[in-house]
């Protein structure tokens, strides 16, 4: 379907402040597209007269830079549920960002909120009692097709941030999820250590 650039909007579940645009990737795509004219790899759904893209946010940014708002491009438009929009976004970001802690945590946060508001999207009867770490982590992991452990550690970080035990900016500065896990473990150990010393002297 031919759609004007000005009618293309980001995935409504993608918070652009937490899912930042990579400027290096933008420039690389821009150079490639200017040479080949290849605009594919954008998928959209129609909503309230606009078109929300499921993936292809970097290409959309390039489009805005090199074309006029009224220019049209031909992209596929499909009926996509909210659940599918989240899953597609998670898959795209998992591929593009892989070990980025901030992206992982934001995806888990969005999915947790969505499943709380739409419990019908995943039924416990379908999952059984297969979880090994936590039921919530297993439910979110099953929805996203992510490992339960990966989600569990993300939920732990989100909880510690909410409780003021760690700073969001510090976690987001971690080079990968293993470093974030080591950091949160160290914080927990430090919090409990004084109590252990006190009990040992009684």
N, C-alpha and C. Protein backbone atom coordinates (compact mmCIF):
# COMPACT_ATOMS: atom_id res chain seq x y z
N UNK A 1 0.84 -1.19 0.00
CA UNK A 1 0.00 0.00 0.00
C UNK A 1 0.88 1.25 0.00
N UNK A 2 0.51 2.23 -0.79
CA UNK A 2 1.27 3.48 -0.84
C UNK A 2 0.81 4.40 0.30
N UNK A 3 1.76 4.83 1.11
CA UNK A 3 1.46 5.63 2.29
C UNK A 3 2.38 6.84 2.35
N UNK A 4 1.82 7.99 2.69
CA UNK A 4 2.64 9.18 2.85
C UNK A 4 3.49 9.06 4.12
N UNK A 5 4.70 9.58 4.05
CA UNK A 5 5.63 9.50 5.18
C UNK A 5 5.00 10.11 6.44
N UNK A 6 4.28 11.20 6.28
CA UNK A 6 3.70 11.89 7.43
C UNK A 6 2.61 11.08 8.13
N UNK A 7 2.13 10.02 7.48
CA UNK A 7 1.10 9.17 8.09
C UNK A 7 1.67 7.92 8.75
N UNK A 8 2.99 7.82 8.79
CA UNK A 8 3.63 6.68 9.44
C UNK A 8 4.03 7.05 10.86
N UNK A 9 3.62 6.23 11.81
CA UNK A 9 3.93 6.47 13.22
C UNK A 9 4.68 5.28 13.81
N UNK A 10 5.44 5.50 14.89
CA UNK A 10 6.15 4.40 15.55
C UNK A 10 5.18 3.39 16.17
N UNK A 11 5.69 2.24 16.48
CA UNK A 11 4.96 1.25 17.25
C UNK A 11 4.49 1.90 18.55
N UNK A 12 3.20 1.86 18.88
CA UNK A 12 2.71 2.54 20.09
C UNK A 12 3.30 1.99 21.38
N UNK A 13 3.89 0.80 21.32
CA UNK A 13 4.49 0.21 22.52
C UNK A 13 5.99 0.49 22.59
N UNK A 14 6.49 1.23 21.62
CA UNK A 14 7.91 1.58 21.64
C UNK A 14 8.09 3.01 22.13
N UNK A 15 8.59 3.14 23.34
CA UNK A 15 8.89 4.45 23.91
C UNK A 15 10.23 4.89 23.32
N UNK A 16 10.20 5.87 22.45
CA UNK A 16 11.41 6.25 21.72
C UNK A 16 12.50 6.80 22.64
N UNK A 17 12.12 7.28 23.83
CA UNK A 17 13.14 7.77 24.76
C UNK A 17 13.90 6.60 25.40
N UNK A 18 13.25 5.45 25.50
CA UNK A 18 13.89 4.26 26.07
C UNK A 18 14.36 3.29 25.00
N UNK A 19 13.83 3.43 23.78
CA UNK A 19 14.30 2.65 22.64
C UNK A 19 14.96 3.64 21.69
N UNK A 20 16.15 4.11 22.01
CA UNK A 20 16.77 5.18 21.22
C UNK A 20 17.12 4.74 19.80
N UNK A 21 17.14 5.72 18.91
CA UNK A 21 17.57 5.50 17.54
C UNK A 21 19.09 5.53 17.49
N UNK A 22 19.69 4.54 16.88
CA UNK A 22 21.14 4.45 16.76
C UNK A 22 21.59 5.27 15.55
N UNK A 23 22.29 6.36 15.81
CA UNK A 23 22.67 7.27 14.73
C UNK A 23 23.66 6.64 13.75
N UNK A 24 24.50 5.75 14.22
CA UNK A 24 25.44 5.06 13.32
C UNK A 24 24.67 4.17 12.35
N UNK A 25 23.66 3.49 12.87
CA UNK A 25 22.83 2.64 12.01
C UNK A 25 22.04 3.49 11.02
N UNK A 26 21.58 4.65 11.47
CA UNK A 26 20.85 5.57 10.59
C UNK A 26 21.73 5.96 9.41
N UNK A 27 22.97 6.35 9.69
CA UNK A 27 23.86 6.78 8.62
C UNK A 27 24.18 5.65 7.67
N UNK A 28 24.39 4.45 8.21
CA UNK A 28 24.68 3.29 7.37
C UNK A 28 23.50 2.97 6.46
N UNK A 29 22.28 2.99 7.02
CA UNK A 29 21.08 2.74 6.24
C UNK A 29 20.88 3.83 5.19
N UNK A 30 21.14 5.05 5.58
CA UNK A 30 20.97 6.19 4.68
C UNK A 30 21.87 6.05 3.46
N UNK A 31 23.13 5.69 3.70
CA UNK A 31 24.07 5.50 2.59
C UNK A 31 23.62 4.37 1.68
N UNK A 32 23.16 3.28 2.29
CA UNK A 32 22.73 2.11 1.51
C UNK A 32 21.49 2.42 0.68
N UNK A 33 20.50 3.07 1.31
CA UNK A 33 19.24 3.35 0.64
C UNK A 33 19.42 4.37 -0.48
N UNK A 34 20.29 5.36 -0.26
CA UNK A 34 20.52 6.35 -1.30
C UNK A 34 21.17 5.73 -2.53
N UNK A 35 21.90 4.64 -2.32
CA UNK A 35 22.57 3.95 -3.44
C UNK A 35 21.65 2.95 -4.13
N UNK A 36 20.80 2.28 -3.34
CA UNK A 36 19.99 1.19 -3.91
C UNK A 36 18.50 1.52 -4.01
N UNK A 37 18.04 2.50 -3.21
CA UNK A 37 16.60 2.81 -3.21
C UNK A 37 15.77 1.72 -2.55
N UNK A 38 16.39 0.93 -1.68
CA UNK A 38 15.71 -0.20 -1.05
C UNK A 38 15.05 0.24 0.25
N UNK A 39 13.71 0.28 0.26
CA UNK A 39 12.98 0.76 1.43
C UNK A 39 12.25 -0.34 2.19
N UNK A 40 12.40 -1.58 1.80
CA UNK A 40 11.66 -2.66 2.44
C UNK A 40 12.05 -2.80 3.92
N UNK A 41 11.47 -3.79 4.55
CA UNK A 41 11.70 -4.09 5.97
C UNK A 41 10.98 -3.11 6.88
N UNK A 42 9.81 -2.66 6.44
CA UNK A 42 8.89 -1.90 7.28
C UNK A 42 7.53 -2.58 7.18
N UNK A 43 6.92 -2.84 8.30
CA UNK A 43 5.59 -3.46 8.34
C UNK A 43 4.69 -2.58 9.19
N UNK A 44 3.46 -2.34 8.72
CA UNK A 44 2.57 -1.42 9.43
C UNK A 44 1.18 -2.01 9.59
N UNK A 45 0.43 -1.39 10.50
CA UNK A 45 -0.99 -1.67 10.64
C UNK A 45 -1.72 -0.33 10.62
N UNK A 46 -2.98 -0.35 10.22
CA UNK A 46 -3.76 0.88 10.17
C UNK A 46 -4.50 1.09 11.49
N UNK A 47 -4.47 2.34 11.97
CA UNK A 47 -5.13 2.65 13.23
C UNK A 47 -5.52 4.13 13.25
N UNK A 48 -6.82 4.39 13.31
CA UNK A 48 -7.35 5.75 13.40
C UNK A 48 -6.82 6.67 12.29
N UNK A 49 -6.81 6.15 11.08
CA UNK A 49 -6.41 6.96 9.95
C UNK A 49 -4.91 7.09 9.76
N UNK A 50 -4.15 6.58 10.71
CA UNK A 50 -2.68 6.60 10.62
C UNK A 50 -2.19 5.17 10.44
N UNK A 51 -0.90 5.04 10.25
CA UNK A 51 -0.30 3.73 10.08
C UNK A 51 0.84 3.57 11.08
N UNK A 52 0.67 2.63 12.01
CA UNK A 52 1.68 2.36 13.03
C UNK A 52 2.60 1.25 12.55
N UNK A 53 3.89 1.49 12.60
CA UNK A 53 4.81 0.47 12.12
C UNK A 53 5.14 -0.51 13.24
N UNK A 54 5.20 -1.78 12.89
CA UNK A 54 5.55 -2.82 13.87
C UNK A 54 7.06 -2.88 14.04
N UNK A 55 7.77 -2.77 12.92
CA UNK A 55 9.23 -2.72 12.95
C UNK A 55 9.71 -1.86 11.78
N UNK A 56 11.00 -1.52 11.83
CA UNK A 56 11.56 -0.68 10.79
C UNK A 56 11.71 0.78 11.21
N UNK A 57 11.92 1.00 12.51
CA UNK A 57 11.98 2.38 13.03
C UNK A 57 13.19 3.16 12.51
N UNK A 58 14.29 2.46 12.31
CA UNK A 58 15.47 3.15 11.77
C UNK A 58 15.24 3.55 10.31
N UNK A 59 14.58 2.69 9.55
CA UNK A 59 14.26 3.03 8.17
C UNK A 59 13.28 4.20 8.11
N UNK A 60 12.33 4.21 9.04
CA UNK A 60 11.38 5.32 9.08
C UNK A 60 12.11 6.63 9.34
N UNK A 61 13.08 6.61 10.24
CA UNK A 61 13.84 7.82 10.53
C UNK A 61 14.61 8.30 9.30
N UNK A 62 15.17 7.35 8.55
CA UNK A 62 15.88 7.72 7.31
C UNK A 62 14.90 8.31 6.30
N UNK A 63 13.73 7.70 6.20
CA UNK A 63 12.69 8.21 5.29
C UNK A 63 12.39 9.68 5.59
N UNK A 64 12.26 10.00 6.86
CA UNK A 64 11.93 11.36 7.26
C UNK A 64 13.05 12.34 6.92
N UNK A 65 14.28 11.81 6.86
CA UNK A 65 15.42 12.67 6.58
C UNK A 65 15.63 12.93 5.09
N UNK A 66 15.30 11.94 4.27
CA UNK A 66 15.63 12.07 2.84
C UNK A 66 14.43 12.33 1.93
N UNK A 67 13.21 12.18 2.46
CA UNK A 67 12.02 12.42 1.66
C UNK A 67 11.16 13.51 2.28
N UNK A 68 10.23 14.02 1.51
CA UNK A 68 9.29 15.02 2.02
C UNK A 68 8.14 14.32 2.75
N UNK A 69 7.51 14.99 3.69
CA UNK A 69 6.41 14.37 4.45
C UNK A 69 5.28 13.85 3.57
N UNK A 70 5.07 14.49 2.41
CA UNK A 70 3.98 14.09 1.53
C UNK A 70 4.38 13.02 0.51
N UNK A 71 5.67 12.67 0.49
CA UNK A 71 6.11 11.60 -0.42
C UNK A 71 5.51 10.28 0.04
N UNK A 72 5.31 9.38 -0.91
CA UNK A 72 4.71 8.08 -0.60
C UNK A 72 5.70 6.95 -0.80
N UNK A 73 5.56 5.92 0.02
CA UNK A 73 6.33 4.68 -0.18
C UNK A 73 5.34 3.52 -0.13
N UNK A 74 5.73 2.43 -0.75
CA UNK A 74 4.87 1.25 -0.81
C UNK A 74 5.35 0.23 0.20
N UNK A 75 4.57 0.01 1.26
CA UNK A 75 4.94 -0.95 2.29
C UNK A 75 3.75 -1.86 2.61
N UNK A 76 4.01 -3.06 3.13
CA UNK A 76 2.90 -3.96 3.49
C UNK A 76 2.15 -3.48 4.72
N UNK A 77 0.84 -3.59 4.69
CA UNK A 77 -0.01 -3.24 5.82
C UNK A 77 -0.85 -4.46 6.18
N UNK A 78 -0.79 -4.88 7.43
CA UNK A 78 -1.52 -6.08 7.86
C UNK A 78 -2.31 -5.79 9.13
N UNK A 79 -3.26 -6.66 9.42
CA UNK A 79 -4.00 -6.57 10.66
C UNK A 79 -3.14 -7.19 11.76
N UNK A 80 -2.67 -6.37 12.66
CA UNK A 80 -1.79 -6.83 13.72
C UNK A 80 -2.39 -6.46 15.08
N UNK A 81 -2.51 -7.43 15.95
CA UNK A 81 -3.03 -7.19 17.30
C UNK A 81 -1.99 -6.46 18.13
N UNK A 82 -2.44 -5.91 19.26
CA UNK A 82 -1.50 -5.26 20.18
C UNK A 82 -0.44 -6.26 20.66
N UNK A 83 -0.87 -7.47 20.96
CA UNK A 83 0.06 -8.49 21.43
C UNK A 83 1.14 -8.77 20.39
N UNK A 84 0.72 -8.84 19.13
CA UNK A 84 1.68 -9.11 18.06
C UNK A 84 2.61 -7.92 17.85
N UNK A 85 2.10 -6.72 18.04
CA UNK A 85 2.95 -5.53 17.90
C UNK A 85 4.08 -5.57 18.94
N UNK A 86 3.76 -6.01 20.16
CA UNK A 86 4.78 -6.11 21.20
C UNK A 86 5.78 -7.22 20.88
N UNK A 87 5.28 -8.36 20.44
CA UNK A 87 6.17 -9.49 20.14
C UNK A 87 7.11 -9.15 18.99
N UNK A 88 6.59 -8.49 17.96
CA UNK A 88 7.42 -8.11 16.82
C UNK A 88 8.48 -7.11 17.25
N UNK A 89 8.07 -6.14 18.07
CA UNK A 89 9.01 -5.14 18.57
C UNK A 89 10.11 -5.80 19.40
N UNK A 90 9.73 -6.74 20.25
CA UNK A 90 10.70 -7.43 21.09
C UNK A 90 11.68 -8.23 20.25
N UNK A 91 11.19 -8.87 19.20
CA UNK A 91 12.04 -9.65 18.32
C UNK A 91 13.01 -8.76 17.57
N UNK A 92 12.51 -7.64 17.07
CA UNK A 92 13.37 -6.70 16.34
C UNK A 92 14.47 -6.17 17.24
N UNK A 93 14.10 -5.76 18.45
CA UNK A 93 15.08 -5.19 19.35
C UNK A 93 16.04 -6.22 19.91
N UNK A 94 15.57 -7.45 20.10
CA UNK A 94 16.44 -8.52 20.56
C UNK A 94 17.51 -8.80 19.51
N UNK A 95 17.13 -8.74 18.24
CA UNK A 95 18.07 -8.96 17.15
C UNK A 95 19.04 -7.79 17.01
N UNK A 96 18.50 -6.57 17.10
CA UNK A 96 19.31 -5.37 16.86
C UNK A 96 20.20 -5.00 18.05
N UNK A 97 19.66 -5.16 19.27
CA UNK A 97 20.36 -4.67 20.46
C UNK A 97 20.98 -5.80 21.28
N UNK A 98 20.45 -6.98 21.17
CA UNK A 98 20.95 -8.19 21.81
C UNK A 98 21.22 -8.03 23.31
N UNK A 99 22.41 -7.56 23.71
CA UNK A 99 22.75 -7.54 25.12
C UNK A 99 22.49 -6.19 25.78
N UNK A 100 21.80 -5.28 25.13
CA UNK A 100 21.53 -3.97 25.70
C UNK A 100 20.56 -4.10 26.87
N UNK A 101 21.03 -3.77 28.07
CA UNK A 101 20.24 -3.95 29.28
C UNK A 101 19.01 -3.06 29.29
N UNK A 102 19.18 -1.81 28.87
CA UNK A 102 18.06 -0.86 28.88
C UNK A 102 16.91 -1.34 28.00
N UNK A 103 17.23 -1.87 26.84
CA UNK A 103 16.21 -2.35 25.91
C UNK A 103 15.51 -3.58 26.47
N UNK A 104 16.29 -4.48 27.06
CA UNK A 104 15.71 -5.68 27.67
C UNK A 104 14.72 -5.29 28.77
N UNK A 105 15.15 -4.41 29.65
CA UNK A 105 14.31 -4.03 30.79
C UNK A 105 13.06 -3.28 30.32
N UNK A 106 13.19 -2.43 29.32
CA UNK A 106 12.03 -1.69 28.83
C UNK A 106 11.04 -2.64 28.18
N UNK A 107 11.53 -3.63 27.45
CA UNK A 107 10.65 -4.61 26.82
C UNK A 107 9.89 -5.41 27.88
N UNK A 108 10.60 -5.83 28.92
CA UNK A 108 9.97 -6.59 30.00
C UNK A 108 8.95 -5.72 30.73
N UNK A 109 9.28 -4.46 30.98
CA UNK A 109 8.36 -3.55 31.67
C UNK A 109 7.07 -3.37 30.88
N UNK A 110 7.20 -3.15 29.58
CA UNK A 110 6.03 -2.95 28.72
C UNK A 110 5.18 -4.21 28.68
N UNK A 111 5.84 -5.35 28.54
CA UNK A 111 5.12 -6.62 28.45
C UNK A 111 4.42 -6.95 29.76
N UNK A 112 5.08 -6.71 30.88
CA UNK A 112 4.47 -6.95 32.19
C UNK A 112 3.18 -6.14 32.33
N UNK A 113 3.25 -4.87 31.98
CA UNK A 113 2.08 -3.99 32.07
C UNK A 113 0.97 -4.46 31.13
N UNK A 114 1.35 -4.86 29.92
CA UNK A 114 0.36 -5.31 28.94
C UNK A 114 -0.35 -6.57 29.42
N UNK A 115 0.39 -7.52 29.95
CA UNK A 115 -0.20 -8.78 30.40
C UNK A 115 -1.06 -8.59 31.65
N UNK A 116 -0.70 -7.61 32.47
CA UNK A 116 -1.54 -7.30 33.63
C UNK A 116 -2.89 -6.73 33.17
N UNK A 117 -2.85 -5.96 32.09
CA UNK A 117 -4.08 -5.35 31.56
C UNK A 117 -4.84 -6.30 30.64
N UNK A 118 -4.15 -7.30 30.10
CA UNK A 118 -4.76 -8.26 29.18
C UNK A 118 -4.38 -9.68 29.57
N UNK A 119 -4.86 -10.15 30.73
CA UNK A 119 -4.50 -11.49 31.20
C UNK A 119 -4.96 -12.60 30.26
N UNK A 120 -5.95 -12.30 29.40
CA UNK A 120 -6.45 -13.31 28.48
C UNK A 120 -5.42 -13.70 27.41
N UNK A 121 -4.38 -12.88 27.27
CA UNK A 121 -3.37 -13.14 26.23
C UNK A 121 -2.53 -14.37 26.53
N UNK A 122 -2.48 -14.77 27.79
CA UNK A 122 -1.72 -15.96 28.14
C UNK A 122 -2.40 -16.64 29.31
N UNK A 123 -2.74 -17.90 29.17
CA UNK A 123 -3.51 -18.62 30.18
C UNK A 123 -2.61 -19.57 30.97
N UNK A 124 -2.77 -19.52 32.29
CA UNK A 124 -1.97 -20.39 33.14
C UNK A 124 -2.21 -21.87 32.82
N UNK A 125 -3.42 -22.20 32.40
CA UNK A 125 -3.74 -23.58 32.09
C UNK A 125 -2.91 -24.10 30.93
N UNK A 126 -2.51 -23.17 30.04
CA UNK A 126 -1.68 -23.55 28.90
C UNK A 126 -0.22 -23.70 29.32
N UNK A 127 0.15 -23.00 30.39
CA UNK A 127 1.54 -23.04 30.83
C UNK A 127 1.81 -24.15 31.83
N UNK A 128 0.77 -24.55 32.56
CA UNK A 128 0.97 -25.56 33.58
C UNK A 128 1.82 -25.02 34.72
N UNK A 129 2.56 -25.87 35.35
CA UNK A 129 3.44 -25.47 36.46
C UNK A 129 4.90 -25.66 36.05
N UNK A 130 5.26 -25.15 34.89
CA UNK A 130 6.59 -25.41 34.35
C UNK A 130 7.64 -24.42 34.82
N UNK A 131 7.23 -23.35 35.48
CA UNK A 131 8.21 -22.33 35.83
C UNK A 131 9.15 -22.85 36.91
N UNK A 132 10.41 -22.38 36.85
CA UNK A 132 11.42 -22.83 37.80
C UNK A 132 11.91 -21.70 38.70
N UNK A 133 11.77 -20.46 38.27
CA UNK A 133 12.25 -19.32 39.06
C UNK A 133 11.08 -18.50 39.60
N UNK A 134 10.21 -18.05 38.71
CA UNK A 134 9.03 -17.31 39.15
C UNK A 134 7.94 -17.42 38.10
N UNK A 135 6.70 -17.46 38.57
CA UNK A 135 5.55 -17.58 37.68
C UNK A 135 5.46 -16.39 36.74
N UNK A 136 5.68 -15.19 37.27
CA UNK A 136 5.58 -13.99 36.44
C UNK A 136 6.65 -13.97 35.36
N UNK A 137 7.88 -14.34 35.73
CA UNK A 137 8.96 -14.37 34.75
C UNK A 137 8.67 -15.40 33.66
N UNK A 138 8.09 -16.51 34.07
CA UNK A 138 7.78 -17.56 33.10
C UNK A 138 6.69 -17.11 32.13
N UNK A 139 5.67 -16.43 32.66
CA UNK A 139 4.57 -15.95 31.82
C UNK A 139 5.07 -14.94 30.79
N UNK A 140 5.87 -13.99 31.25
CA UNK A 140 6.41 -12.96 30.35
C UNK A 140 7.37 -13.60 29.35
N UNK A 141 8.21 -14.50 29.84
CA UNK A 141 9.16 -15.18 28.95
C UNK A 141 8.45 -15.99 27.89
N UNK A 142 7.37 -16.67 28.26
CA UNK A 142 6.60 -17.47 27.31
C UNK A 142 5.96 -16.58 26.25
N UNK A 143 5.47 -15.42 26.67
CA UNK A 143 4.83 -14.48 25.75
C UNK A 143 5.85 -13.95 24.73
N UNK A 144 7.05 -13.61 25.22
CA UNK A 144 8.08 -13.01 24.36
C UNK A 144 8.97 -14.04 23.69
N UNK A 145 8.85 -15.31 24.13
CA UNK A 145 9.77 -16.36 23.69
C UNK A 145 11.20 -16.06 24.16
N UNK A 146 11.29 -15.56 25.38
CA UNK A 146 12.57 -15.30 26.04
C UNK A 146 12.72 -16.28 27.19
N UNK A 147 13.96 -16.47 27.65
CA UNK A 147 14.18 -17.39 28.75
C UNK A 147 13.63 -16.82 30.05
N UNK A 148 13.14 -17.71 30.90
CA UNK A 148 12.58 -17.31 32.19
C UNK A 148 13.63 -16.59 33.03
N UNK A 149 14.87 -17.08 32.99
CA UNK A 149 15.94 -16.49 33.78
C UNK A 149 16.24 -15.07 33.34
N UNK A 150 16.30 -14.84 32.03
CA UNK A 150 16.55 -13.50 31.49
C UNK A 150 15.48 -12.52 31.99
N UNK A 151 14.23 -12.94 31.94
CA UNK A 151 13.12 -12.08 32.37
C UNK A 151 13.18 -11.88 33.89
N UNK A 152 13.49 -12.93 34.62
CA UNK A 152 13.54 -12.84 36.09
C UNK A 152 14.54 -11.77 36.53
N UNK A 153 15.74 -11.79 35.96
CA UNK A 153 16.76 -10.81 36.34
C UNK A 153 16.35 -9.40 35.93
N UNK A 154 15.66 -9.30 34.81
CA UNK A 154 15.16 -7.99 34.38
C UNK A 154 14.11 -7.47 35.36
N UNK A 155 13.18 -8.33 35.77
CA UNK A 155 12.17 -7.94 36.76
C UNK A 155 12.81 -7.54 38.08
N UNK A 156 13.86 -8.24 38.45
CA UNK A 156 14.57 -7.92 39.69
C UNK A 156 15.18 -6.53 39.59
N UNK A 157 15.80 -6.21 38.46
CA UNK A 157 16.38 -4.88 38.28
C UNK A 157 15.30 -3.80 38.32
N UNK A 158 14.21 -4.05 37.62
CA UNK A 158 13.11 -3.08 37.59
C UNK A 158 12.55 -2.84 38.99
N UNK A 159 12.45 -3.91 39.77
CA UNK A 159 11.95 -3.79 41.13
C UNK A 159 12.89 -2.99 42.01
N UNK A 160 14.19 -3.23 41.85
CA UNK A 160 15.19 -2.52 42.66
C UNK A 160 15.24 -1.04 42.29
N UNK A 161 15.04 -0.75 41.00
CA UNK A 161 14.98 0.65 40.56
C UNK A 161 13.76 1.34 41.17
N UNK A 162 12.62 0.66 41.12
CA UNK A 162 11.39 1.23 41.66
C UNK A 162 11.50 1.48 43.17
N UNK A 163 12.22 0.60 43.85
CA UNK A 163 12.38 0.73 45.31
C UNK A 163 13.48 1.71 45.69
N UNK A 164 14.19 2.23 44.69
CA UNK A 164 15.25 3.19 44.96
C UNK A 164 16.55 2.56 45.43
N UNK A 165 16.69 1.25 45.23
CA UNK A 165 17.90 0.56 45.67
C UNK A 165 19.04 0.71 44.67
N UNK A 166 18.71 0.90 43.41
CA UNK A 166 19.70 1.16 42.38
C UNK A 166 19.16 2.24 41.45
N UNK A 167 20.06 2.90 40.74
CA UNK A 167 19.65 3.96 39.83
C UNK A 167 19.52 3.42 38.41
N UNK A 168 18.46 3.84 37.74
CA UNK A 168 18.18 3.40 36.37
C UNK A 168 19.35 3.72 35.43
N UNK A 169 19.93 4.92 35.61
CA UNK A 169 21.03 5.34 34.73
C UNK A 169 22.25 4.44 34.89
N UNK A 170 22.47 3.97 36.10
CA UNK A 170 23.63 3.10 36.35
C UNK A 170 23.43 1.76 35.65
N UNK A 171 22.24 1.19 35.76
CA UNK A 171 21.95 -0.08 35.11
C UNK A 171 22.07 0.05 33.59
N UNK A 172 21.55 1.15 33.05
CA UNK A 172 21.57 1.34 31.60
C UNK A 172 22.98 1.55 31.06
N UNK A 173 23.91 1.91 31.96
CA UNK A 173 25.29 2.11 31.53
C UNK A 173 26.08 0.81 31.46
N UNK A 174 25.49 -0.27 31.96
CA UNK A 174 26.18 -1.55 31.97
C UNK A 174 26.38 -2.06 30.54
N UNK A 175 27.57 -2.62 30.24
CA UNK A 175 27.86 -3.04 28.86
C UNK A 175 27.04 -4.25 28.38
N UNK A 176 26.58 -5.08 29.33
CA UNK A 176 25.77 -6.24 28.96
C UNK A 176 25.04 -6.75 30.20
N UNK A 177 24.15 -7.72 29.98
CA UNK A 177 23.28 -8.19 31.07
C UNK A 177 24.05 -8.92 32.16
N UNK A 178 25.14 -9.59 31.81
CA UNK A 178 25.94 -10.26 32.84
C UNK A 178 26.53 -9.26 33.81
N UNK A 179 26.96 -8.12 33.29
CA UNK A 179 27.52 -7.07 34.16
C UNK A 179 26.42 -6.52 35.07
N UNK A 180 25.23 -6.35 34.52
CA UNK A 180 24.11 -5.85 35.32
C UNK A 180 23.75 -6.84 36.41
N UNK A 181 23.78 -8.12 36.10
CA UNK A 181 23.48 -9.16 37.08
C UNK A 181 24.51 -9.14 38.21
N UNK A 182 25.78 -9.01 37.87
CA UNK A 182 26.84 -8.96 38.89
C UNK A 182 26.65 -7.73 39.78
N UNK A 183 26.26 -6.63 39.16
CA UNK A 183 26.08 -5.40 39.91
C UNK A 183 24.93 -5.52 40.91
N UNK A 184 23.79 -6.03 40.45
CA UNK A 184 22.64 -6.15 41.35
C UNK A 184 22.94 -7.15 42.47
N UNK A 185 23.69 -8.20 42.16
CA UNK A 185 24.07 -9.18 43.19
C UNK A 185 24.95 -8.52 44.25
N UNK A 186 25.87 -7.66 43.79
CA UNK A 186 26.76 -6.96 44.72
C UNK A 186 25.97 -6.00 45.60
N UNK A 187 24.97 -5.33 45.01
CA UNK A 187 24.14 -4.40 45.78
C UNK A 187 23.36 -5.15 46.85
N UNK A 188 22.78 -6.28 46.49
CA UNK A 188 22.02 -7.08 47.46
C UNK A 188 22.93 -7.59 48.58
N UNK A 189 24.12 -8.02 48.22
CA UNK A 189 25.06 -8.51 49.22
C UNK A 189 25.45 -7.39 50.18
N UNK A 190 25.66 -6.21 49.63
CA UNK A 190 26.03 -5.07 50.46
C UNK A 190 24.89 -4.69 51.41
N UNK A 191 23.66 -4.78 50.93
CA UNK A 191 22.51 -4.43 51.76
C UNK A 191 22.32 -5.39 52.92
N UNK A 192 22.60 -6.68 52.67
CA UNK A 192 22.39 -7.70 53.71
C UNK A 192 23.61 -7.90 54.60
N UNK A 193 24.77 -7.46 54.14
CA UNK A 193 26.01 -7.72 54.88
C UNK A 193 26.00 -7.14 56.30
N UNK A 194 25.59 -5.88 56.49
CA UNK A 194 25.56 -5.35 57.87
C UNK A 194 24.68 -6.18 58.80
N UNK A 195 23.56 -6.67 58.31
CA UNK A 195 22.67 -7.49 59.11
C UNK A 195 23.33 -8.80 59.51
N UNK A 196 24.09 -9.38 58.58
CA UNK A 196 24.79 -10.62 58.87
C UNK A 196 25.85 -10.42 59.95
N UNK A 197 26.55 -9.29 59.86
CA UNK A 197 27.57 -8.99 60.87
C UNK A 197 26.94 -8.81 62.24
N UNK A 198 25.81 -8.10 62.27
CA UNK A 198 25.13 -7.84 63.54
C UNK A 198 24.65 -9.14 64.18
N UNK A 199 24.07 -10.02 63.38
CA UNK A 199 23.55 -11.29 63.90
C UNK A 199 24.69 -12.17 64.39
N UNK A 200 25.82 -12.14 63.71
CA UNK A 200 26.94 -13.00 64.08
C UNK A 200 27.59 -12.60 65.40
N UNK A 201 27.34 -11.35 65.83
CA UNK A 201 27.97 -10.90 67.07
C UNK A 201 27.05 -11.06 68.28
N UNK A 202 25.82 -11.53 68.03
CA UNK A 202 24.88 -11.70 69.14
C UNK A 202 25.16 -12.99 69.89
